[in-house]
Amino acid sequence: DCVLGLATGRTMERVYDALVEIGHAEALDFS
């Protein structure tokens, strides 16, 4: 139930790609 502060920009696109990959591989619960 954590609260995440997010950012935009080209640098963050790879971060979100990596987070999505981890999320799928490790069944992260973002709900």
PDB file of all heavy atoms in Angstrom:
ATOM      1  N   ASP A   1       0.817  -1.214   0.000  1.00  0.00           N
ATOM      2  CA  ASP A   1       0.000   0.000   0.000  1.00  0.00           C
ATOM      3  C   ASP A   1       0.853   1.268   0.000  1.00  0.00           C
ATOM      4  O   ASP A   1       0.390   2.341   0.410  1.00  0.00           O
ATOM      5  CB  ASP A   1      -0.941   0.018   1.204  1.00  0.00           C
ATOM      6  CG  ASP A   1      -0.203   0.003   2.540  1.00  0.00           C
ATOM      7  OD1 ASP A   1       1.023  -0.262   2.549  1.00  0.00           O
ATOM      8  OD2 ASP A   1      -0.851   0.256   3.578  1.00  0.00           O
ATOM      9  N   CYS A   2       2.084   1.157  -0.466  1.00  0.00           N
ATOM     10  CA  CYS A   2       2.985   2.317  -0.456  1.00  0.00           C
ATOM     11  C   CYS A   2       2.483   3.414  -1.383  1.00  0.00           C
ATOM     12  O   CYS A   2       1.652   3.195  -2.274  1.00  0.00           O
ATOM     13  CB  CYS A   2       4.401   1.904  -0.836  1.00  0.00           C
ATOM     14  SG  CYS A   2       4.579   1.317  -2.534  1.00  0.00           S
ATOM     15  N   VAL A   3       3.024   4.617  -1.170  1.00  0.00           N
ATOM     16  CA  VAL A   3       2.704   5.774  -2.005  1.00  0.00           C
ATOM     17  C   VAL A   3       3.957   6.133  -2.796  1.00  0.00           C
ATOM     18  O   VAL A   3       5.011   6.433  -2.224  1.00  0.00           O
ATOM     19  CB  VAL A   3       2.250   6.971  -1.145  1.00  0.00           C
ATOM     20  CG1 VAL A   3       1.936   8.174  -2.036  1.00  0.00           C
ATOM     21  CG2 VAL A   3       1.040   6.599  -0.308  1.00  0.00           C
ATOM     22  N   LEU A   4       3.845   6.081  -4.113  1.00  0.00           N
ATOM     23  CA  LEU A   4       4.977   6.344  -4.995  1.00  0.00           C
ATOM     24  C   LEU A   4       4.846   7.726  -5.619  1.00  0.00           C
ATOM     25  O   LEU A   4       3.771   8.113  -6.084  1.00  0.00           O
ATOM     26  CB  LEU A   4       5.038   5.295  -6.111  1.00  0.00           C
ATOM     27  CG  LEU A   4       5.205   3.842  -5.674  1.00  0.00           C
ATOM     28  CD1 LEU A   4       5.138   2.918  -6.898  1.00  0.00           C
ATOM     29  CD2 LEU A   4       6.520   3.652  -4.929  1.00  0.00           C
ATOM     30  N   GLY A   5       5.931   8.457  -5.647  1.00  0.00           N
ATOM     31  CA  GLY A   5       6.009   9.720  -6.363  1.00  0.00           C
ATOM     32  C   GLY A   5       6.691   9.472  -7.695  1.00  0.00           C
ATOM     33  O   GLY A   5       7.805   8.942  -7.731  1.00  0.00           O
ATOM     34  N   LEU A   6       6.027   9.820  -8.781  1.00  0.00           N
ATOM     35  CA  LEU A   6       6.528   9.466 -10.110  1.00  0.00           C
ATOM     36  C   LEU A   6       6.920  10.702 -10.907  1.00  0.00           C
ATOM     37  O   LEU A   6       6.514  11.822 -10.596  1.00  0.00           O
ATOM     38  CB  LEU A   6       5.474   8.658 -10.858  1.00  0.00           C
ATOM     39  CG  LEU A   6       5.034   7.364 -10.155  1.00  0.00           C
ATOM     40  CD1 LEU A   6       3.971   6.641 -10.988  1.00  0.00           C
ATOM     41  CD2 LEU A   6       6.213   6.451  -9.870  1.00  0.00           C
ATOM     42  N   ALA A   7       7.719  10.467 -11.921  1.00  0.00           N
ATOM     43  CA  ALA A   7       8.235  11.538 -12.771  1.00  0.00           C
ATOM     44  C   ALA A   7       8.075  11.127 -14.228  1.00  0.00           C
ATOM     45  O   ALA A   7       7.807   9.967 -14.540  1.00  0.00           O
ATOM     46  CB  ALA A   7       9.702  11.805 -12.441  1.00  0.00           C
ATOM     47  N   THR A   8       8.262  12.089 -15.114  1.00  0.00           N
ATOM     48  CA  THR A   8       8.175  11.833 -16.546  1.00  0.00           C
ATOM     49  C   THR A   8       9.512  12.173 -17.198  1.00  0.00           C
ATOM     50  O   THR A   8      10.466  12.556 -16.533  1.00  0.00           O
ATOM     51  CB  THR A   8       7.055  12.672 -17.172  1.00  0.00           C
ATOM     52  OG1 THR A   8       7.278  14.051 -16.846  1.00  0.00           O
ATOM     53  CG2 THR A   8       5.690  12.246 -16.652  1.00  0.00           C
ATOM     54  N   GLY A   9       9.566  12.008 -18.505  1.00  0.00           N
ATOM     55  CA  GLY A   9      10.788  12.324 -19.230  1.00  0.00           C
ATOM     56  C   GLY A   9      11.427  11.084 -19.823  1.00  0.00           C
ATOM     57  O   GLY A   9      11.108   9.948 -19.465  1.00  0.00           O
ATOM     58  N   ARG A  10      12.347  11.311 -20.750  1.00  0.00           N
ATOM     59  CA  ARG A  10      12.956  10.195 -21.469  1.00  0.00           C
ATOM     60  C   ARG A  10      13.729   9.274 -20.538  1.00  0.00           C
ATOM     61  O   ARG A  10      13.756   8.058 -20.737  1.00  0.00           O
ATOM     62  CB  ARG A  10      13.859  10.746 -22.575  1.00  0.00           C
ATOM     63  CG  ARG A  10      13.078  11.338 -23.744  1.00  0.00           C
ATOM     64  CD  ARG A  10      13.942  12.190 -24.632  1.00  0.00           C
ATOM     65  NE  ARG A  10      14.338  13.424 -23.943  1.00  0.00           N
ATOM     66  CZ  ARG A  10      15.157  14.329 -24.463  1.00  0.00           C
ATOM     67  NH1 ARG A  10      15.683  14.139 -25.654  1.00  0.00           N
ATOM     68  NH2 ARG A  10      15.457  15.426 -23.787  1.00  0.00           N
ATOM     69  N   THR A  11      14.368   9.824 -19.501  1.00  0.00           N
ATOM     70  CA  THR A  11      15.126   8.998 -18.564  1.00  0.00           C
ATOM     71  C   THR A  11      14.222   7.993 -17.874  1.00  0.00           C
ATOM     72  O   THR A  11      14.622   6.850 -17.619  1.00  0.00           O
ATOM     73  CB  THR A  11      15.823   9.879 -17.514  1.00  0.00           C
ATOM     74  OG1 THR A  11      16.659  10.822 -18.181  1.00  0.00           O
ATOM     75  CG2 THR A  11      16.675   9.044 -16.577  1.00  0.00           C
ATOM     76  N   MET A  12      12.996   8.397 -17.567  1.00  0.00           N
ATOM     77  CA  MET A  12      12.088   7.532 -16.813  1.00  0.00           C
ATOM     78  C   MET A  12      11.478   6.425 -17.668  1.00  0.00           C
ATOM     79  O   MET A  12      10.995   5.421 -17.122  1.00  0.00           O
ATOM     80  CB  MET A  12      10.968   8.366 -16.189  1.00  0.00           C
ATOM     81  CG  MET A  12      11.439   9.325 -15.116  1.00  0.00           C
ATOM     82  SD  MET A  12      12.176   8.465 -13.699  1.00  0.00           S
ATOM     83  CE  MET A  12      13.023   9.839 -12.898  1.00  0.00           C
ATOM     84  N   GLU A  13      11.521   6.564 -18.977  1.00  0.00           N
ATOM     85  CA  GLU A  13      10.882   5.554 -19.816  1.00  0.00           C
ATOM     86  C   GLU A  13      11.535   4.188 -19.628  1.00  0.00           C
ATOM     87  O   GLU A  13      10.846   3.160 -19.535  1.00  0.00           O
ATOM     88  CB  GLU A  13      10.906   5.989 -21.278  1.00  0.00           C
ATOM     89  CG  GLU A  13      10.002   7.186 -21.539  1.00  0.00           C
ATOM     90  CD  GLU A  13      10.065   7.698 -22.957  1.00  0.00           C
ATOM     91  OE1 GLU A  13      10.529   6.916 -23.841  1.00  0.00           O
ATOM     92  OE2 GLU A  13       9.662   8.852 -23.198  1.00  0.00           O
ATOM     93  N   ARG A  14      12.857   4.152 -19.547  1.00  0.00           N
ATOM     94  CA  ARG A  14      13.543   2.873 -19.308  1.00  0.00           C
ATOM     95  C   ARG A  14      13.239   2.357 -17.901  1.00  0.00           C
ATOM     96  O   ARG A  14      13.151   1.148 -17.690  1.00  0.00           O
ATOM     97  CB  ARG A  14      15.044   3.021 -19.509  1.00  0.00           C
ATOM     98  CG  ARG A  14      15.472   3.116 -20.967  1.00  0.00           C
ATOM     99  CD  ARG A  14      16.944   2.774 -21.123  1.00  0.00           C
ATOM    100  NE  ARG A  14      17.423   2.986 -22.466  1.00  0.00           N
ATOM    101  CZ  ARG A  14      17.302   2.109 -23.455  1.00  0.00           C
ATOM    102  NH1 ARG A  14      16.665   0.961 -23.241  1.00  0.00           N
ATOM    103  NH2 ARG A  14      17.796   2.365 -24.652  1.00  0.00           N
ATOM    104  N   VAL A  15      13.122   3.263 -16.933  1.00  0.00           N
ATOM    105  CA  VAL A  15      12.787   2.848 -15.574  1.00  0.00           C
ATOM    106  C   VAL A  15      11.437   2.143 -15.573  1.00  0.00           C
ATOM    107  O   VAL A  15      11.280   1.058 -14.975  1.00  0.00           O
ATOM    108  CB  VAL A  15      12.771   4.052 -14.617  1.00  0.00           C
ATOM    109  CG1 VAL A  15      12.249   3.633 -13.237  1.00  0.00           C
ATOM    110  CG2 VAL A  15      14.159   4.668 -14.496  1.00  0.00           C
ATOM    111  N   TYR A  16      10.445   2.716 -16.244  1.00  0.00           N
ATOM    112  CA  TYR A  16       9.122   2.113 -16.256  1.00  0.00           C
ATOM    113  C   TYR A  16       9.118   0.811 -17.056  1.00  0.00           C
ATOM    114  O   TYR A  16       8.425  -0.151 -16.680  1.00  0.00           O
ATOM    115  CB  TYR A  16       8.092   3.106 -16.783  1.00  0.00           C
ATOM    116  CG  TYR A  16       7.945   4.322 -15.898  1.00  0.00           C
ATOM    117  CD1 TYR A  16       7.738   5.596 -16.428  1.00  0.00           C
ATOM    118  CD2 TYR A  16       8.045   4.207 -14.510  1.00  0.00           C
ATOM    119  CE1 TYR A  16       7.616   6.704 -15.606  1.00  0.00           C
ATOM    120  CE2 TYR A  16       7.931   5.311 -13.689  1.00  0.00           C
ATOM    121  CZ  TYR A  16       7.723   6.554 -14.241  1.00  0.00           C
ATOM    122  OH  TYR A  16       7.617   7.661 -13.412  1.00  0.00           O
ATOM    123  N   ASP A  17       9.895   0.755 -18.134  1.00  0.00           N
ATOM    124  CA  ASP A  17      10.020  -0.511 -18.869  1.00  0.00           C
ATOM    125  C   ASP A  17      10.564  -1.605 -17.949  1.00  0.00           C
ATOM    126  O   ASP A  17      10.070  -2.739 -17.943  1.00  0.00           O
ATOM    127  CB  ASP A  17      10.957  -0.349 -20.067  1.00  0.00           C
ATOM    128  CG  ASP A  17      10.339   0.433 -21.213  1.00  0.00           C
ATOM    129  OD1 ASP A  17       9.100   0.606 -21.226  1.00  0.00           O
ATOM    130  OD2 ASP A  17      11.094   0.869 -22.097  1.00  0.00           O
ATOM    131  N   ALA A  18      11.604  -1.263 -17.180  1.00  0.00           N
ATOM    132  CA  ALA A  18      12.215  -2.241 -16.275  1.00  0.00           C
ATOM    133  C   ALA A  18      11.247  -2.630 -15.164  1.00  0.00           C
ATOM    134  O   ALA A  18      11.185  -3.806 -14.763  1.00  0.00           O
ATOM    135  CB  ALA A  18      13.509  -1.674 -15.691  1.00  0.00           C
ATOM    136  N   LEU A  19      10.484  -1.668 -14.650  1.00  0.00           N
ATOM    137  CA  LEU A  19       9.526  -1.962 -13.582  1.00  0.00           C
ATOM    138  C   LEU A  19       8.411  -2.874 -14.092  1.00  0.00           C
ATOM    139  O   LEU A  19       7.990  -3.812 -13.391  1.00  0.00           O
ATOM    140  CB  LEU A  19       8.942  -0.663 -13.028  1.00  0.00           C
ATOM    141  CG  LEU A  19       7.981  -0.803 -11.843  1.00  0.00           C
ATOM    142  CD1 LEU A  19       8.655  -1.493 -10.660  1.00  0.00           C
ATOM    143  CD2 LEU A  19       7.450   0.572 -11.433  1.00  0.00           C
ATOM    144  N   VAL A  20       7.938  -2.629 -15.294  1.00  0.00           N
ATOM    145  CA  VAL A  20       6.915  -3.490 -15.884  1.00  0.00           C
ATOM    146  C   VAL A  20       7.456  -4.900 -16.054  1.00  0.00           C
ATOM    147  O   VAL A  20       6.771  -5.900 -15.763  1.00  0.00           O
ATOM    148  CB  VAL A  20       6.435  -2.915 -17.231  1.00  0.00           C
ATOM    149  CG1 VAL A  20       5.584  -3.937 -17.987  1.00  0.00           C
ATOM    150  CG2 VAL A  20       5.650  -1.627 -17.015  1.00  0.00           C
ATOM    151  N   GLU A  21       8.699  -5.020 -16.504  1.00  0.00           N
ATOM    152  CA  GLU A  21       9.313  -6.333 -16.681  1.00  0.00           C
ATOM    153  C   GLU A  21       9.407  -7.088 -15.348  1.00  0.00           C
ATOM    154  O   GLU A  21       9.066  -8.269 -15.266  1.00  0.00           O
ATOM    155  CB  GLU A  21      10.703  -6.176 -17.300  1.00  0.00           C
ATOM    156  CG  GLU A  21      11.395  -7.484 -17.621  1.00  0.00           C
ATOM    157  CD  GLU A  21      12.718  -7.289 -18.331  1.00  0.00           C
ATOM    158  OE1 GLU A  21      12.961  -6.182 -18.869  1.00  0.00           O
ATOM    159  OE2 GLU A  21      13.529  -8.240 -18.338  1.00  0.00           O
ATOM    160  N   ILE A  22       9.864  -6.389 -14.302  1.00  0.00           N
ATOM    161  CA  ILE A  22       9.922  -7.006 -12.979  1.00  0.00           C
ATOM    162  C   ILE A  22       8.518  -7.378 -12.515  1.00  0.00           C
ATOM    163  O   ILE A  22       8.296  -8.456 -11.939  1.00  0.00           O
ATOM    164  CB  ILE A  22      10.582  -6.067 -11.964  1.00  0.00           C
ATOM    165  CG1 ILE A  22      12.055  -5.850 -12.300  1.00  0.00           C
ATOM    166  CG2 ILE A  22      10.457  -6.629 -10.542  1.00  0.00           C
ATOM    167  CD1 ILE A  22      12.724  -4.777 -11.442  1.00  0.00           C
ATOM    168  N   GLY A  23       7.574  -6.483 -12.751  1.00  0.00           N
ATOM    169  CA  GLY A  23       6.208  -6.740 -12.327  1.00  0.00           C
ATOM    170  C   GLY A  23       5.638  -8.012 -12.910  1.00  0.00           C
ATOM    171  O   GLY A  23       4.989  -8.796 -12.208  1.00  0.00           O
ATOM    172  N   HIS A  24       5.899  -8.232 -14.189  1.00  0.00           N
ATOM    173  CA  HIS A  24       5.407  -9.448 -14.833  1.00  0.00           C
ATOM    174  C   HIS A  24       6.156 -10.678 -14.330  1.00  0.00           C
ATOM    175  O   HIS A  24       5.542 -11.724 -14.061  1.00  0.00           O
ATOM    176  CB  HIS A  24       5.550  -9.324 -16.345  1.00  0.00           C
ATOM    177  CG  HIS A  24       4.629  -8.324 -16.943  1.00  0.00           C
ATOM    178  ND1 HIS A  24       4.831  -7.762 -18.187  1.00  0.00           N
ATOM    179  CD2 HIS A  24       3.486  -7.761 -16.472  1.00  0.00           C
ATOM    180  CE1 HIS A  24       3.861  -6.913 -18.458  1.00  0.00           C
ATOM    181  NE2 HIS A  24       3.029  -6.896 -17.433  1.00  0.00           N
ATOM    182  N   ALA A  25       7.471 -10.565 -14.185  1.00  0.00           N
ATOM    183  CA  ALA A  25       8.289 -11.713 -13.788  1.00  0.00           C
ATOM    184  C   ALA A  25       8.031 -12.140 -12.349  1.00  0.00           C
ATOM    185  O   ALA A  25       8.107 -13.332 -12.025  1.00  0.00           O
ATOM    186  CB  ALA A  25       9.768 -11.397 -13.986  1.00  0.00           C
ATOM    187  N   GLU A  26       7.733 -11.170 -11.488  1.00  0.00           N
ATOM    188  CA  GLU A  26       7.618 -11.455 -10.060  1.00  0.00           C
ATOM    189  C   GLU A  26       6.205 -11.256  -9.526  1.00  0.00           C
ATOM    190  O   GLU A  26       5.989 -11.284  -8.315  1.00  0.00           O
ATOM    191  CB  GLU A  26       8.607 -10.578  -9.292  1.00  0.00           C
ATOM    192  CG  GLU A  26      10.052 -10.808  -9.725  1.00  0.00           C
ATOM    193  CD  GLU A  26      11.056  -9.931  -8.995  1.00  0.00           C
ATOM    194  OE1 GLU A  26      10.693  -9.348  -7.945  1.00  0.00           O
ATOM    195  OE2 GLU A  26      12.201  -9.827  -9.470  1.00  0.00           O
ATOM    196  N   ALA A  27       5.260 -11.073 -10.423  1.00  0.00           N
ATOM    197  CA  ALA A  27       3.849 -10.929 -10.047  1.00  0.00           C
ATOM    198  C   ALA A  27       3.647  -9.842  -8.995  1.00  0.00           C
ATOM    199  O   ALA A  27       2.989 -10.049  -7.969  1.00  0.00           O
ATOM    200  CB  ALA A  27       3.288 -12.268  -9.551  1.00  0.00           C
ATOM    201  N   LEU A  28       4.210  -8.664  -9.261  1.00  0.00           N
ATOM    202  CA  LEU A  28       4.034  -7.548  -8.335  1.00  0.00           C
ATOM    203  C   LEU A  28       2.576  -7.124  -8.294  1.00  0.00           C
ATOM    204  O   LEU A  28       1.898  -7.075  -9.320  1.00  0.00           O
ATOM    205  CB  LEU A  28       4.896  -6.356  -8.762  1.00  0.00           C
ATOM    206  CG  LEU A  28       6.409  -6.473  -8.611  1.00  0.00           C
ATOM    207  CD1 LEU A  28       7.076  -5.176  -9.076  1.00  0.00           C
ATOM    208  CD2 LEU A  28       6.803  -6.777  -7.173  1.00  0.00           C
ATOM    209  N   ASP A  29       2.119  -6.790  -7.102  1.00  0.00           N
ATOM    210  CA  ASP A  29       0.737  -6.342  -6.910  1.00  0.00           C
ATOM    211  C   ASP A  29       0.714  -4.824  -6.770  1.00  0.00           C
ATOM    212  O   ASP A  29       1.150  -4.275  -5.764  1.00  0.00           O
ATOM    213  CB  ASP A  29       0.163  -7.000  -5.655  1.00  0.00           C
ATOM    214  CG  ASP A  29      -1.272  -6.580  -5.382  1.00  0.00           C
ATOM    215  OD1 ASP A  29      -1.875  -5.910  -6.251  1.00  0.00           O
ATOM    216  OD2 ASP A  29      -1.782  -6.910  -4.297  1.00  0.00           O
ATOM    217  N   PHE A  30       0.224  -4.145  -7.798  1.00  0.00           N
ATOM    218  CA  PHE A  30       0.128  -2.690  -7.790  1.00  0.00           C
ATOM    219  C   PHE A  30      -1.252  -2.208  -7.334  1.00  0.00           C
ATOM    220  O   PHE A  30      -1.503  -1.003  -7.305  1.00  0.00           O
ATOM    221  CB  PHE A  30       0.393  -2.135  -9.187  1.00  0.00           C
ATOM    222  CG  PHE A  30       1.815  -2.271  -9.659  1.00  0.00           C
ATOM    223  CD1 PHE A  30       2.219  -3.406 -10.354  1.00  0.00           C
ATOM    224  CD2 PHE A  30       2.744  -1.271  -9.428  1.00  0.00           C
ATOM    225  CE1 PHE A  30       3.518  -3.536 -10.804  1.00  0.00           C
ATOM    226  CE2 PHE A  30       4.046  -1.387  -9.868  1.00  0.00           C
ATOM    227  CZ  PHE A  30       4.443  -2.528 -10.560  1.00  0.00           C
ATOM    228  N   SER A  31      -2.140  -3.117  -6.999  1.00  0.00           N
ATOM    229  CA  SER A  31      -3.541  -2.750  -6.820  1.00  0.00           C
ATOM    230  C   SER A  31      -3.790  -1.854  -5.617  1.00  0.00           C
ATOM    231  O   SER A  31      -4.788  -1.125  -5.589  1.00  0.00           O
ATOM    232  CB  SER A  31      -4.401  -4.014  -6.703  1.00  0.00           C
ATOM    233  OG  SER A  31      -4.083  -4.740  -5.517  1.00  0.00           O
TER     234      SER A  31
END
